[in-house]
């Protein structure tokens, strides 16, 4: 939805029916949930008093979703949120939650883009490079835990046949050290 477009006006009548003034149709909470998911902004007004009840209706949508078994909000979060009402930090919570959720959504979008580009030829190279870097970091971290520099790399083997034997020897040494530590 474009930022300059005015939000759709929804009127809630005394009989609890919701009326979309943009489409001149009655809508349900599920319809409003779909509008939110599609990025369409709306404002809900009480038809009789003209009061903005958008927050209440959005909370009702969340309540309905939670009752369907789509539990997004952990019980501990709900309890902590209730504890914040009337607390001195109550005014900070909305800003903090907005910032946190916006960050999460941005990261989610970045992740989706990264995944989509990962399956291109250049993306596969990027994945291979990341795997190689992760492997190097893991090996360096493992060497830090070997006592007396036993895992320190020496010069490269002279022939390709020496590398597997040396790796197996290093692995055996690592296993022995692990067994000794476990015995202590």
N, C-alpha and C. Protein backbone atom coordinates (compact mmCIF):
# COMPACT_ATOMS: atom_id res chain seq x y z
N UNK A 1 0.84 -1.18 0.00
CA UNK A 1 0.00 0.00 0.00
C UNK A 1 0.88 1.23 0.00
N UNK A 2 0.47 2.25 -0.74
CA UNK A 2 1.23 3.49 -0.78
C UNK A 2 1.05 4.25 0.51
N UNK A 3 2.10 4.94 0.92
CA UNK A 3 2.07 5.67 2.19
C UNK A 3 1.11 6.86 2.13
N UNK A 4 0.90 7.46 0.93
CA UNK A 4 0.07 8.65 0.83
C UNK A 4 -1.42 8.34 0.76
N UNK A 5 -1.78 7.09 0.63
CA UNK A 5 -3.19 6.69 0.56
C UNK A 5 -3.80 6.74 1.97
N UNK A 6 -4.97 7.30 2.03
CA UNK A 6 -5.68 7.38 3.30
C UNK A 6 -6.13 5.99 3.74
N UNK A 7 -6.11 5.73 5.05
CA UNK A 7 -6.58 4.42 5.51
C UNK A 7 -8.09 4.27 5.25
N UNK A 8 -8.48 3.04 5.01
CA UNK A 8 -9.89 2.72 4.81
C UNK A 8 -10.63 2.93 6.12
N UNK A 9 -11.82 3.47 6.03
CA UNK A 9 -12.64 3.69 7.23
C UNK A 9 -13.59 2.51 7.41
N UNK A 10 -13.55 1.95 8.60
CA UNK A 10 -14.46 0.87 8.98
C UNK A 10 -15.33 1.41 10.11
N UNK A 11 -16.62 1.18 10.01
CA UNK A 11 -17.53 1.61 11.08
C UNK A 11 -18.05 0.38 11.79
N UNK A 12 -18.06 0.46 13.11
CA UNK A 12 -18.59 -0.64 13.91
C UNK A 12 -19.92 -0.17 14.51
N UNK A 13 -20.96 -0.93 14.20
CA UNK A 13 -22.29 -0.57 14.65
C UNK A 13 -22.62 -1.25 15.98
N UNK A 14 -23.70 -0.79 16.60
CA UNK A 14 -24.11 -1.31 17.90
C UNK A 14 -24.37 -2.81 17.85
N UNK A 15 -24.80 -3.32 16.70
CA UNK A 15 -25.05 -4.76 16.57
C UNK A 15 -23.75 -5.53 16.32
N UNK A 16 -22.62 -4.85 16.48
CA UNK A 16 -21.26 -5.41 16.36
C UNK A 16 -20.86 -5.72 14.93
N UNK A 17 -21.65 -5.28 13.97
CA UNK A 17 -21.28 -5.48 12.57
C UNK A 17 -20.28 -4.41 12.15
N UNK A 18 -19.38 -4.82 11.29
CA UNK A 18 -18.33 -3.93 10.79
C UNK A 18 -18.63 -3.59 9.34
N UNK A 19 -18.57 -2.30 9.01
CA UNK A 19 -18.91 -1.85 7.67
C UNK A 19 -17.72 -1.15 7.04
N UNK A 20 -17.26 -1.67 5.90
CA UNK A 20 -16.14 -1.08 5.17
C UNK A 20 -16.70 0.00 4.25
N UNK A 21 -16.40 1.26 4.56
CA UNK A 21 -16.94 2.37 3.75
C UNK A 21 -16.26 2.45 2.39
N UNK A 22 -15.09 1.87 2.25
CA UNK A 22 -14.39 1.88 0.96
C UNK A 22 -15.04 0.98 -0.07
N UNK A 23 -15.54 -0.17 0.38
CA UNK A 23 -16.18 -1.12 -0.55
C UNK A 23 -17.69 -1.18 -0.37
N UNK A 24 -18.21 -0.44 0.61
CA UNK A 24 -19.64 -0.43 0.92
C UNK A 24 -20.16 -1.83 1.19
N UNK A 25 -19.38 -2.60 1.98
CA UNK A 25 -19.78 -3.96 2.33
C UNK A 25 -19.54 -4.19 3.82
N UNK A 26 -20.28 -5.14 4.36
CA UNK A 26 -20.02 -5.56 5.73
C UNK A 26 -18.83 -6.52 5.70
N UNK A 27 -18.00 -6.43 6.72
CA UNK A 27 -16.80 -7.27 6.79
C UNK A 27 -16.75 -7.95 8.15
N UNK A 28 -15.92 -8.96 8.23
CA UNK A 28 -15.72 -9.70 9.48
C UNK A 28 -14.33 -9.39 10.02
N UNK A 29 -14.07 -9.88 11.21
CA UNK A 29 -12.72 -9.74 11.78
C UNK A 29 -11.70 -10.45 10.90
N UNK A 30 -12.10 -11.58 10.32
CA UNK A 30 -11.18 -12.30 9.41
C UNK A 30 -10.86 -11.46 8.18
N UNK A 31 -11.86 -10.74 7.67
CA UNK A 31 -11.61 -9.86 6.53
C UNK A 31 -10.62 -8.76 6.92
N UNK A 32 -10.79 -8.22 8.12
CA UNK A 32 -9.86 -7.18 8.59
C UNK A 32 -8.46 -7.75 8.78
N UNK A 33 -8.37 -8.99 9.27
CA UNK A 33 -7.07 -9.63 9.43
C UNK A 33 -6.39 -9.77 8.07
N UNK A 34 -7.15 -10.14 7.04
CA UNK A 34 -6.59 -10.25 5.69
C UNK A 34 -6.13 -8.89 5.17
N UNK A 35 -6.89 -7.85 5.50
CA UNK A 35 -6.48 -6.50 5.09
C UNK A 35 -5.14 -6.14 5.72
N UNK A 36 -4.98 -6.47 6.99
CA UNK A 36 -3.72 -6.19 7.68
C UNK A 36 -2.59 -6.96 7.00
N UNK A 37 -2.82 -8.25 6.74
CA UNK A 37 -1.78 -9.09 6.13
C UNK A 37 -1.39 -8.59 4.74
N UNK A 38 -2.34 -8.02 4.02
CA UNK A 38 -2.04 -7.52 2.67
C UNK A 38 -1.47 -6.11 2.70
N UNK A 39 -1.36 -5.53 3.89
CA UNK A 39 -0.74 -4.21 4.02
C UNK A 39 -1.71 -3.05 3.89
N UNK A 40 -3.00 -3.33 3.89
CA UNK A 40 -3.99 -2.25 3.77
C UNK A 40 -4.31 -1.69 5.15
N UNK A 41 -4.06 -0.40 5.30
CA UNK A 41 -4.35 0.26 6.58
C UNK A 41 -5.84 0.59 6.66
N UNK A 42 -6.35 0.53 7.87
CA UNK A 42 -7.73 0.93 8.11
C UNK A 42 -7.84 1.50 9.51
N UNK A 43 -8.89 2.27 9.70
CA UNK A 43 -9.21 2.85 11.00
C UNK A 43 -10.64 2.45 11.30
N UNK A 44 -10.89 2.02 12.54
CA UNK A 44 -12.23 1.59 12.92
C UNK A 44 -12.82 2.62 13.88
N UNK A 45 -14.02 3.10 13.52
CA UNK A 45 -14.71 4.07 14.36
C UNK A 45 -16.01 3.47 14.86
N UNK A 46 -16.36 3.79 16.09
CA UNK A 46 -17.67 3.44 16.62
C UNK A 46 -18.67 4.30 15.85
N UNK A 47 -19.66 3.67 15.22
CA UNK A 47 -20.60 4.40 14.36
C UNK A 47 -21.42 5.42 15.14
N UNK A 48 -21.72 5.13 16.40
CA UNK A 48 -22.57 6.03 17.17
C UNK A 48 -21.78 7.20 17.75
N UNK A 49 -20.64 6.90 18.41
CA UNK A 49 -19.90 7.95 19.11
C UNK A 49 -18.80 8.58 18.25
N UNK A 50 -18.38 7.90 17.19
CA UNK A 50 -17.29 8.41 16.37
C UNK A 50 -15.91 8.15 16.96
N UNK A 51 -15.87 7.44 18.09
CA UNK A 51 -14.61 7.15 18.77
C UNK A 51 -13.76 6.19 17.93
N UNK A 52 -12.45 6.44 17.90
CA UNK A 52 -11.51 5.55 17.20
C UNK A 52 -11.30 4.31 18.08
N UNK A 53 -11.76 3.16 17.60
CA UNK A 53 -11.65 1.91 18.35
C UNK A 53 -10.74 0.91 17.62
N UNK A 54 -9.85 1.43 16.80
CA UNK A 54 -8.96 0.57 16.01
C UNK A 54 -8.14 -0.36 16.89
N UNK A 55 -7.55 0.18 17.96
CA UNK A 55 -6.72 -0.64 18.86
C UNK A 55 -7.52 -1.80 19.43
N UNK A 56 -8.74 -1.53 19.84
CA UNK A 56 -9.59 -2.58 20.42
C UNK A 56 -9.91 -3.66 19.38
N UNK A 57 -10.20 -3.25 18.15
CA UNK A 57 -10.53 -4.22 17.10
C UNK A 57 -9.30 -5.04 16.73
N UNK A 58 -8.14 -4.41 16.62
CA UNK A 58 -6.91 -5.15 16.31
C UNK A 58 -6.59 -6.15 17.42
N UNK A 59 -6.81 -5.74 18.66
CA UNK A 59 -6.60 -6.65 19.79
C UNK A 59 -7.57 -7.82 19.71
N UNK A 60 -8.79 -7.54 19.30
CA UNK A 60 -9.80 -8.59 19.13
C UNK A 60 -9.38 -9.57 18.04
N UNK A 61 -8.78 -9.07 16.96
CA UNK A 61 -8.29 -9.94 15.88
C UNK A 61 -7.20 -10.86 16.43
N UNK A 62 -6.28 -10.30 17.21
CA UNK A 62 -5.22 -11.12 17.82
C UNK A 62 -5.84 -12.18 18.72
N UNK A 63 -6.83 -11.79 19.52
CA UNK A 63 -7.51 -12.72 20.42
C UNK A 63 -8.12 -13.87 19.62
N UNK A 64 -8.78 -13.54 18.51
CA UNK A 64 -9.40 -14.58 17.67
C UNK A 64 -8.34 -15.52 17.10
N UNK A 65 -7.22 -14.97 16.62
CA UNK A 65 -6.15 -15.80 16.06
C UNK A 65 -5.57 -16.72 17.13
N UNK A 66 -5.37 -16.20 18.33
CA UNK A 66 -4.83 -17.01 19.42
C UNK A 66 -5.81 -18.12 19.79
N UNK A 67 -7.11 -17.84 19.74
CA UNK A 67 -8.11 -18.86 20.07
C UNK A 67 -8.20 -19.96 19.01
N UNK A 68 -7.73 -19.68 17.81
CA UNK A 68 -7.73 -20.69 16.75
C UNK A 68 -6.55 -21.64 16.89
N UNK A 69 -5.75 -21.44 17.91
CA UNK A 69 -4.59 -22.30 18.12
C UNK A 69 -3.34 -21.79 17.44
N UNK A 70 -3.40 -20.63 16.85
CA UNK A 70 -2.23 -20.04 16.20
C UNK A 70 -1.50 -19.18 17.23
N UNK A 71 -0.97 -19.84 18.23
CA UNK A 71 -0.37 -19.14 19.36
C UNK A 71 0.95 -18.50 18.98
N UNK A 72 0.91 -17.19 18.84
CA UNK A 72 2.09 -16.42 18.50
C UNK A 72 2.70 -15.79 19.75
N UNK A 73 1.88 -15.51 20.72
CA UNK A 73 2.33 -14.82 21.92
C UNK A 73 2.50 -15.80 23.08
N UNK A 74 3.73 -16.00 23.54
CA UNK A 74 3.95 -16.92 24.65
C UNK A 74 3.29 -16.41 25.94
N UNK A 75 2.90 -17.32 26.78
CA UNK A 75 2.24 -16.96 28.04
C UNK A 75 3.12 -16.05 28.88
N UNK A 76 4.42 -16.34 28.93
CA UNK A 76 5.31 -15.48 29.73
C UNK A 76 5.32 -14.06 29.19
N UNK A 77 5.29 -13.90 27.88
CA UNK A 77 5.24 -12.56 27.28
C UNK A 77 3.95 -11.86 27.69
N UNK A 78 2.82 -12.56 27.59
CA UNK A 78 1.54 -11.96 27.95
C UNK A 78 1.53 -11.52 29.41
N UNK A 79 2.07 -12.36 30.29
CA UNK A 79 2.13 -12.00 31.71
C UNK A 79 3.01 -10.78 31.94
N UNK A 80 4.16 -10.76 31.28
CA UNK A 80 5.06 -9.61 31.44
C UNK A 80 4.42 -8.34 30.89
N UNK A 81 3.70 -8.48 29.80
CA UNK A 81 3.03 -7.33 29.21
C UNK A 81 1.97 -6.78 30.17
N UNK A 82 1.20 -7.66 30.78
CA UNK A 82 0.19 -7.24 31.75
C UNK A 82 0.84 -6.53 32.93
N UNK A 83 2.00 -7.04 33.37
CA UNK A 83 2.71 -6.41 34.49
C UNK A 83 3.16 -4.98 34.15
N UNK A 84 3.36 -4.70 32.89
CA UNK A 84 3.83 -3.37 32.48
C UNK A 84 2.74 -2.30 32.58
N UNK A 85 1.48 -2.72 32.56
CA UNK A 85 0.41 -1.73 32.68
C UNK A 85 0.50 -1.05 34.03
N UNK A 86 0.49 0.28 34.01
CA UNK A 86 0.58 1.05 35.24
C UNK A 86 2.00 1.21 35.76
N UNK A 87 2.95 0.55 35.14
CA UNK A 87 4.35 0.66 35.55
C UNK A 87 4.96 1.91 34.92
N UNK A 88 6.08 2.33 35.47
CA UNK A 88 6.73 3.54 34.95
C UNK A 88 7.24 3.37 33.52
N UNK A 89 7.48 2.13 33.10
CA UNK A 89 7.98 1.92 31.74
C UNK A 89 6.86 1.70 30.73
N UNK A 90 5.63 1.82 31.16
CA UNK A 90 4.49 1.58 30.27
C UNK A 90 4.59 2.41 28.99
N UNK A 91 5.03 3.64 29.10
CA UNK A 91 5.11 4.51 27.91
C UNK A 91 6.21 4.09 26.95
N UNK A 92 7.21 3.36 27.44
CA UNK A 92 8.31 2.92 26.58
C UNK A 92 7.97 1.66 25.79
N UNK A 93 7.08 0.86 26.32
CA UNK A 93 6.78 -0.44 25.72
C UNK A 93 6.31 -0.34 24.27
N UNK A 94 5.34 0.52 23.93
CA UNK A 94 4.90 0.57 22.52
C UNK A 94 6.04 0.90 21.55
N UNK A 95 6.88 1.86 21.91
CA UNK A 95 8.00 2.23 21.04
C UNK A 95 8.97 1.07 20.91
N UNK A 96 9.27 0.43 22.03
CA UNK A 96 10.19 -0.71 22.01
C UNK A 96 9.64 -1.85 21.15
N UNK A 97 8.37 -2.18 21.33
CA UNK A 97 7.77 -3.27 20.56
C UNK A 97 7.71 -2.93 19.08
N UNK A 98 7.37 -1.67 18.74
CA UNK A 98 7.37 -1.25 17.33
C UNK A 98 8.75 -1.42 16.72
N UNK A 99 9.77 -0.93 17.42
CA UNK A 99 11.14 -1.01 16.92
C UNK A 99 11.56 -2.47 16.75
N UNK A 100 11.28 -3.29 17.76
CA UNK A 100 11.69 -4.70 17.72
C UNK A 100 11.00 -5.45 16.59
N UNK A 101 9.71 -5.24 16.44
CA UNK A 101 8.97 -5.94 15.39
C UNK A 101 9.38 -5.45 14.00
N UNK A 102 9.61 -4.14 13.86
CA UNK A 102 10.09 -3.62 12.58
C UNK A 102 11.43 -4.24 12.22
N UNK A 103 12.32 -4.37 13.19
CA UNK A 103 13.63 -4.98 12.96
C UNK A 103 13.46 -6.44 12.54
N UNK A 104 12.58 -7.15 13.22
CA UNK A 104 12.33 -8.55 12.89
C UNK A 104 11.81 -8.69 11.46
N UNK A 105 10.87 -7.84 11.08
CA UNK A 105 10.30 -7.91 9.73
C UNK A 105 11.36 -7.59 8.68
N UNK A 106 12.22 -6.59 8.95
CA UNK A 106 13.30 -6.26 8.00
C UNK A 106 14.25 -7.44 7.85
N UNK A 107 14.63 -8.06 8.96
CA UNK A 107 15.53 -9.21 8.91
C UNK A 107 14.88 -10.39 8.19
N UNK A 108 13.57 -10.58 8.42
CA UNK A 108 12.85 -11.65 7.74
C UNK A 108 12.87 -11.42 6.23
N UNK A 109 12.65 -10.19 5.81
CA UNK A 109 12.67 -9.86 4.38
C UNK A 109 14.08 -10.06 3.81
N UNK A 110 15.10 -9.65 4.54
CA UNK A 110 16.48 -9.84 4.11
C UNK A 110 16.78 -11.34 3.98
N UNK A 111 16.32 -12.13 4.94
CA UNK A 111 16.53 -13.58 4.91
C UNK A 111 15.86 -14.18 3.68
N UNK A 112 14.62 -13.76 3.40
CA UNK A 112 13.91 -14.26 2.22
C UNK A 112 14.69 -13.93 0.94
N UNK A 113 15.18 -12.70 0.86
CA UNK A 113 15.96 -12.31 -0.32
C UNK A 113 17.24 -13.11 -0.42
N UNK A 114 17.90 -13.35 0.72
CA UNK A 114 19.13 -14.14 0.72
C UNK A 114 18.86 -15.56 0.25
N UNK A 115 17.77 -16.14 0.72
CA UNK A 115 17.41 -17.51 0.33
C UNK A 115 17.10 -17.55 -1.17
N UNK A 116 16.34 -16.57 -1.64
CA UNK A 116 15.99 -16.54 -3.06
C UNK A 116 17.23 -16.41 -3.93
N UNK A 117 18.17 -15.58 -3.52
CA UNK A 117 19.39 -15.41 -4.33
C UNK A 117 20.37 -16.56 -4.14
N UNK A 118 20.18 -17.35 -3.11
CA UNK A 118 21.11 -18.46 -2.84
C UNK A 118 21.02 -19.54 -3.91
N UNK A 119 19.90 -19.63 -4.59
CA UNK A 119 19.72 -20.70 -5.56
C UNK A 119 20.06 -20.26 -6.98
N UNK A 120 20.76 -19.15 -7.08
CA UNK A 120 21.31 -18.74 -8.37
C UNK A 120 22.75 -19.24 -8.42
N UNK A 121 23.36 -19.33 -9.61
CA UNK A 121 24.76 -19.80 -9.67
C UNK A 121 25.70 -18.99 -8.78
N UNK A 122 25.56 -17.67 -8.78
CA UNK A 122 26.45 -16.87 -7.93
C UNK A 122 26.10 -17.06 -6.46
N UNK A 123 24.83 -17.34 -6.18
CA UNK A 123 24.42 -17.57 -4.80
C UNK A 123 25.02 -18.84 -4.23
N UNK A 124 25.13 -19.87 -5.06
CA UNK A 124 25.72 -21.13 -4.61
C UNK A 124 27.19 -20.93 -4.26
N UNK A 125 27.88 -20.07 -5.02
CA UNK A 125 29.27 -19.76 -4.70
C UNK A 125 29.35 -19.08 -3.34
N UNK A 126 28.40 -18.19 -3.08
CA UNK A 126 28.36 -17.50 -1.80
C UNK A 126 28.14 -18.47 -0.65
N UNK A 127 27.25 -19.44 -0.86
CA UNK A 127 27.00 -20.44 0.18
C UNK A 127 28.25 -21.27 0.40
N UNK A 128 28.91 -21.68 -0.69
CA UNK A 128 30.13 -22.48 -0.55
C UNK A 128 31.20 -21.70 0.20
N UNK A 129 31.33 -20.43 -0.11
CA UNK A 129 32.32 -19.59 0.57
C UNK A 129 31.98 -19.47 2.06
N UNK A 130 30.70 -19.30 2.37
CA UNK A 130 30.29 -19.18 3.78
C UNK A 130 30.55 -20.48 4.52
N UNK A 131 30.28 -21.61 3.89
CA UNK A 131 30.55 -22.91 4.52
C UNK A 131 32.05 -23.05 4.78
N UNK A 132 32.87 -22.65 3.81
CA UNK A 132 34.32 -22.72 3.98
C UNK A 132 34.78 -21.85 5.15
N UNK A 133 34.26 -20.62 5.23
CA UNK A 133 34.63 -19.73 6.34
C UNK A 133 34.17 -20.29 7.68
N UNK A 134 32.95 -20.82 7.71
CA UNK A 134 32.44 -21.41 8.95
C UNK A 134 33.31 -22.59 9.39
N UNK A 135 33.72 -23.41 8.43
CA UNK A 135 34.58 -24.56 8.74
C UNK A 135 35.91 -24.09 9.29
N UNK A 136 36.50 -23.07 8.67
CA UNK A 136 37.77 -22.54 9.16
C UNK A 136 37.64 -22.01 10.59
N UNK A 137 36.56 -21.26 10.84
CA UNK A 137 36.36 -20.71 12.19
C UNK A 137 36.18 -21.84 13.20
N UNK A 138 35.45 -22.88 12.82
CA UNK A 138 35.25 -24.01 13.72
C UNK A 138 36.58 -24.69 14.03
N UNK A 139 37.39 -24.89 13.00
CA UNK A 139 38.69 -25.53 13.21
C UNK A 139 39.58 -24.68 14.11
N UNK A 140 39.57 -23.37 13.91
CA UNK A 140 40.36 -22.48 14.76
C UNK A 140 39.87 -22.54 16.20
N UNK A 141 38.58 -22.58 16.37
CA UNK A 141 38.03 -22.66 17.73
C UNK A 141 38.42 -23.97 18.39
N UNK A 142 38.40 -25.06 17.64
CA UNK A 142 38.78 -26.36 18.21
C UNK A 142 40.25 -26.36 18.60
N UNK A 143 41.11 -25.71 17.80
CA UNK A 143 42.53 -25.66 18.13
C UNK A 143 42.77 -24.91 19.43
N UNK A 144 41.94 -23.94 19.74
CA UNK A 144 42.11 -23.17 20.97
C UNK A 144 41.92 -24.06 22.20
N UNK A 145 41.13 -25.11 22.06
CA UNK A 145 40.83 -25.96 23.20
C UNK A 145 41.82 -27.10 23.37
N UNK A 146 42.74 -27.26 22.45
CA UNK A 146 43.74 -28.31 22.57
C UNK A 146 44.88 -27.80 23.44
N UNK A 147 45.24 -28.54 24.50
CA UNK A 147 46.29 -28.07 25.41
C UNK A 147 47.65 -28.07 24.73
N UNK A 148 48.48 -27.11 25.12
CA UNK A 148 49.88 -27.01 24.70
C UNK A 148 50.04 -26.92 23.19
N UNK A 149 49.07 -26.38 22.51
CA UNK A 149 49.20 -26.17 21.08
C UNK A 149 49.23 -27.43 20.26
N UNK A 150 48.70 -28.52 20.78
CA UNK A 150 48.73 -29.80 20.05
C UNK A 150 48.01 -29.68 18.72
N UNK A 151 47.07 -28.77 18.64
CA UNK A 151 46.32 -28.65 17.40
C UNK A 151 46.88 -27.61 16.46
N UNK A 152 48.04 -27.00 16.80
CA UNK A 152 48.62 -25.97 15.96
C UNK A 152 48.98 -26.55 14.61
N UNK A 153 48.63 -25.82 13.56
CA UNK A 153 48.95 -26.32 12.23
C UNK A 153 50.42 -26.11 11.94
N UNK A 154 51.02 -27.11 11.35
CA UNK A 154 52.40 -26.99 10.92
C UNK A 154 52.39 -26.79 9.43
N UNK A 155 53.54 -26.83 8.81
CA UNK A 155 53.60 -26.61 7.37
C UNK A 155 52.77 -27.66 6.64
N UNK A 156 52.35 -27.32 5.46
CA UNK A 156 51.48 -28.20 4.69
C UNK A 156 52.22 -29.49 4.35
N UNK A 157 51.51 -30.60 4.29
CA UNK A 157 52.15 -31.87 3.96
C UNK A 157 52.74 -31.82 2.55
N UNK A 158 53.82 -32.60 2.37
CA UNK A 158 54.54 -32.58 1.10
C UNK A 158 53.79 -33.32 0.01
N UNK A 159 53.06 -34.34 0.37
CA UNK A 159 52.29 -35.06 -0.65
C UNK A 159 50.86 -35.22 -0.18
N UNK A 160 49.97 -35.45 -1.13
CA UNK A 160 48.55 -35.56 -0.80
C UNK A 160 48.25 -36.75 0.07
N UNK A 161 49.09 -37.80 0.06
CA UNK A 161 48.79 -39.00 0.83
C UNK A 161 49.04 -38.80 2.32
N UNK A 162 49.87 -37.80 2.69
CA UNK A 162 50.17 -37.59 4.10
C UNK A 162 49.02 -36.91 4.83
N UNK A 163 48.24 -36.11 4.15
CA UNK A 163 47.19 -35.32 4.80
C UNK A 163 46.15 -36.18 5.51
N UNK A 164 45.59 -37.21 4.89
CA UNK A 164 44.59 -38.00 5.59
C UNK A 164 45.17 -38.70 6.81
N UNK A 165 46.39 -39.22 6.72
CA UNK A 165 46.98 -39.92 7.86
C UNK A 165 47.18 -38.94 9.00
N UNK A 166 47.64 -37.74 8.68
CA UNK A 166 47.87 -36.75 9.71
C UNK A 166 46.54 -36.34 10.35
N UNK A 167 45.51 -36.16 9.54
CA UNK A 167 44.20 -35.79 10.06
C UNK A 167 43.68 -36.88 10.98
N UNK A 168 43.87 -38.13 10.58
CA UNK A 168 43.43 -39.24 11.43
C UNK A 168 44.24 -39.25 12.72
N UNK A 169 45.54 -38.96 12.64
CA UNK A 169 46.37 -38.91 13.84
C UNK A 169 45.92 -37.78 14.76
N UNK A 170 45.62 -36.63 14.17
CA UNK A 170 45.12 -35.51 14.96
C UNK A 170 43.79 -35.88 15.61
N UNK A 171 42.96 -36.57 14.87
CA UNK A 171 41.66 -36.97 15.40
C UNK A 171 41.84 -37.96 16.55
N UNK A 172 42.76 -38.91 16.40
CA UNK A 172 43.03 -39.87 17.47
C UNK A 172 43.56 -39.15 18.71
N UNK A 173 44.45 -38.19 18.51
CA UNK A 173 45.00 -37.43 19.63
C UNK A 173 43.89 -36.65 20.33
N UNK A 174 43.01 -36.08 19.55
CA UNK A 174 41.90 -35.33 20.11
C UNK A 174 40.97 -36.25 20.91
N UNK A 175 40.72 -37.44 20.39
CA UNK A 175 39.88 -38.41 21.11
C UNK A 175 40.53 -38.79 22.44
N UNK A 176 41.84 -39.04 22.43
CA UNK A 176 42.55 -39.41 23.67
C UNK A 176 42.46 -38.28 24.69
N UNK A 177 42.66 -37.05 24.22
CA UNK A 177 42.59 -35.91 25.14
C UNK A 177 41.19 -35.77 25.72
N UNK A 178 40.19 -35.98 24.90
CA UNK A 178 38.82 -35.90 25.37
C UNK A 178 38.54 -36.97 26.41
N UNK A 179 39.03 -38.19 26.18
CA UNK A 179 38.84 -39.27 27.15
C UNK A 179 39.52 -38.94 28.46
N UNK A 180 40.73 -38.34 28.41
CA UNK A 180 41.44 -37.96 29.63
C UNK A 180 40.67 -36.92 30.41
N UNK A 181 40.11 -35.95 29.70
CA UNK A 181 39.34 -34.90 30.36
C UNK A 181 38.10 -35.50 31.01
N UNK A 182 37.46 -36.45 30.33
CA UNK A 182 36.25 -37.06 30.88
C UNK A 182 36.55 -37.90 32.11
N UNK A 183 37.75 -38.47 32.20
CA UNK A 183 38.13 -39.30 33.34
C UNK A 183 38.34 -38.46 34.59
N UNK A 184 38.72 -37.21 34.44
CA UNK A 184 39.03 -36.33 35.58
C UNK A 184 37.84 -36.04 36.42
